[in-house]
Amino acid sequence: MEMRADVIGLAAATIVAWGTWGSLIVVPAIILIYLGATGQLAPLTMHTPGITFAALGGVGAGLGTVCFYLLLARERASLAVPMTSLYPALTVVLSVLFLKEQLNGTQVLGVFFALAAVALLSR
């Protein structure tokens, strides 16, 4: 059975939206916890870049969820869910591209096996 372009497109859009917004939410949350624990949080000042990243994170989460539900309307959940669960792999790719992180062979193999699992589930 061959996958349709609309299914692949919706899955890819979900992966991109969820794979990018997570880093926009998690990192600021960790920073807030650190600042609160060290007493550096008060006085709280608002910065435009922080508000912008928070808004982008919300938009990414919303778009990812809409794409996911559209995907579920077109494809069985037993394929859609594993397909979109690959979104953390995007974070791995982004960390290599932008943070210049190095992946070892086991990590590369893990990403490969995750992709192979989705390919096998789609049959």
Protein backbone atom coordinates (compact mmCIF):
# COMPACT_ATOMS: atom_id res chain seq x y z
CA MET A 1 0.00 0.00 0.00
CA GLU A 2 1.45 3.33 -1.05
CA MET A 3 1.07 6.37 1.20
CA ARG A 4 -0.79 9.33 -0.24
CA ALA A 5 0.88 12.74 -0.57
CA ASP A 6 -1.69 14.45 1.68
CA VAL A 7 -0.98 11.97 4.49
CA ILE A 8 2.77 12.44 4.17
CA GLY A 9 2.35 16.23 4.01
CA LEU A 10 0.18 16.38 7.13
CA ALA A 11 2.53 14.08 9.03
CA ALA A 12 5.51 16.20 8.00
CA ALA A 13 3.73 19.42 9.02
CA THR A 14 2.89 17.91 12.41
CA ILE A 15 6.47 16.76 12.94
CA VAL A 16 7.88 20.18 12.04
CA ALA A 17 5.38 22.09 14.19
CA TRP A 18 5.80 19.82 17.22
CA GLY A 19 9.54 19.38 16.70
CA THR A 20 10.25 23.11 16.76
CA TRP A 21 7.74 24.42 19.28
CA GLY A 22 8.91 22.04 21.99
CA SER A 23 12.32 23.65 22.12
CA LEU A 24 10.67 27.07 22.30
CA ILE A 25 8.70 25.98 25.39
CA VAL A 26 11.08 23.67 27.26
CA VAL A 27 14.17 25.88 27.28
CA PRO A 28 12.40 28.97 28.71
CA ALA A 29 10.72 26.78 31.34
CA ILE A 30 14.10 25.42 32.45
CA ILE A 31 15.51 28.95 32.57
CA LEU A 32 12.56 30.14 34.69
CA ILE A 33 13.07 27.27 37.14
CA TYR A 34 16.77 28.09 37.37
CA LEU A 35 16.15 31.81 37.86
CA GLY A 36 13.51 31.10 40.50
CA ALA A 37 15.78 28.67 42.37
CA THR A 38 18.70 31.12 42.36
CA GLY A 39 16.59 34.13 43.33
CA GLN A 40 17.32 35.94 40.08
CA LEU A 41 13.72 35.92 38.84
CA ALA A 42 12.52 39.05 40.63
CA PRO A 43 12.01 41.70 39.44
CA LEU A 44 10.46 40.17 36.36
CA THR A 45 10.97 42.20 33.20
CA MET A 46 9.27 41.58 29.88
CA HIS A 47 11.39 41.41 26.75
CA THR A 48 9.99 41.47 23.25
CA PRO A 49 12.08 38.51 22.00
CA GLY A 50 10.84 36.34 24.88
CA ILE A 51 7.22 37.23 24.22
CA THR A 52 7.75 36.58 20.51
CA PHE A 53 9.24 33.11 21.13
CA ALA A 54 6.41 32.25 23.52
CA ALA A 55 3.83 33.30 20.93
CA LEU A 56 5.61 31.30 18.22
CA GLY A 57 5.64 28.29 20.52
CA GLY A 58 1.89 28.55 21.00
CA VAL A 59 1.29 28.92 17.27
CA GLY A 60 3.52 25.91 16.54
CA ALA A 61 1.72 23.77 19.10
CA GLY A 62 -1.67 24.79 17.71
CA LEU A 63 -0.71 24.19 14.08
CA GLY A 64 0.80 20.83 14.93
CA THR A 65 -2.36 19.76 16.72
CA VAL A 66 -4.61 20.87 13.85
CA CYS A 67 -2.42 19.01 11.33
CA PHE A 68 -2.45 15.93 13.57
CA TYR A 69 -6.26 15.87 13.72
CA LEU A 70 -6.51 16.38 9.97
CA LEU A 71 -4.09 13.48 9.55
CA LEU A 72 -6.20 11.28 11.84
CA ALA A 73 -9.24 12.06 9.69
CA ARG A 74 -7.38 10.73 6.62
CA GLU A 75 -5.28 7.88 8.00
CA ARG A 76 -5.64 5.15 10.59
CA ALA A 77 -4.32 6.00 14.05
CA SER A 78 -2.08 2.93 14.07
CA LEU A 79 0.01 4.64 11.38
CA ALA A 80 -0.58 8.34 12.12
CA VAL A 81 0.56 8.20 15.74
CA PRO A 82 3.90 6.41 15.15
CA MET A 83 4.50 8.60 12.11
CA THR A 84 4.12 11.84 14.02
CA SER A 85 5.96 10.53 17.06
CA LEU A 86 9.13 11.05 15.06
CA TYR A 87 9.06 14.77 15.87
CA PRO A 88 11.91 14.48 18.44
CA ALA A 89 14.13 13.35 15.55
CA LEU A 90 13.74 16.86 14.15
CA THR A 91 15.22 18.22 17.37
CA VAL A 92 18.19 15.91 16.86
CA VAL A 93 18.68 17.16 13.29
CA LEU A 94 18.34 20.80 14.39
CA SER A 95 20.90 20.28 17.17
CA VAL A 96 23.38 18.92 14.64
CA LEU A 97 22.74 21.76 12.18
CA PHE A 98 22.58 24.73 14.54
CA LEU A 99 24.37 23.67 17.73
CA LYS A 100 27.05 21.66 15.92
CA GLU A 101 26.43 18.63 18.15
CA GLN A 102 28.00 15.34 17.14
CA LEU A 103 26.01 12.12 16.88
CA ASN A 104 27.64 8.78 17.50
CA GLY A 105 26.87 5.70 15.44
CA THR A 106 24.34 4.36 17.93
CA GLN A 107 22.35 7.59 17.84
CA VAL A 108 22.32 7.70 14.04
CA LEU A 109 21.26 4.06 14.01
CA GLY A 110 18.44 4.85 16.45
CA VAL A 111 17.04 7.57 14.16
CA PHE A 112 17.37 5.21 11.20
CA PHE A 113 15.49 2.44 13.02
CA ALA A 114 12.72 4.87 14.01
CA LEU A 115 12.27 5.83 10.37
CA ALA A 116 12.38 2.17 9.33
CA ALA A 117 9.70 1.33 11.91
CA VAL A 118 7.31 3.87 10.40
CA ALA A 119 8.05 2.52 6.92
CA LEU A 120 7.26 -1.01 8.11
CA LEU A 121 4.06 0.10 9.84
CA SER A 122 2.84 1.78 6.65
CA ARG A 123 2.77 -1.53 4.76
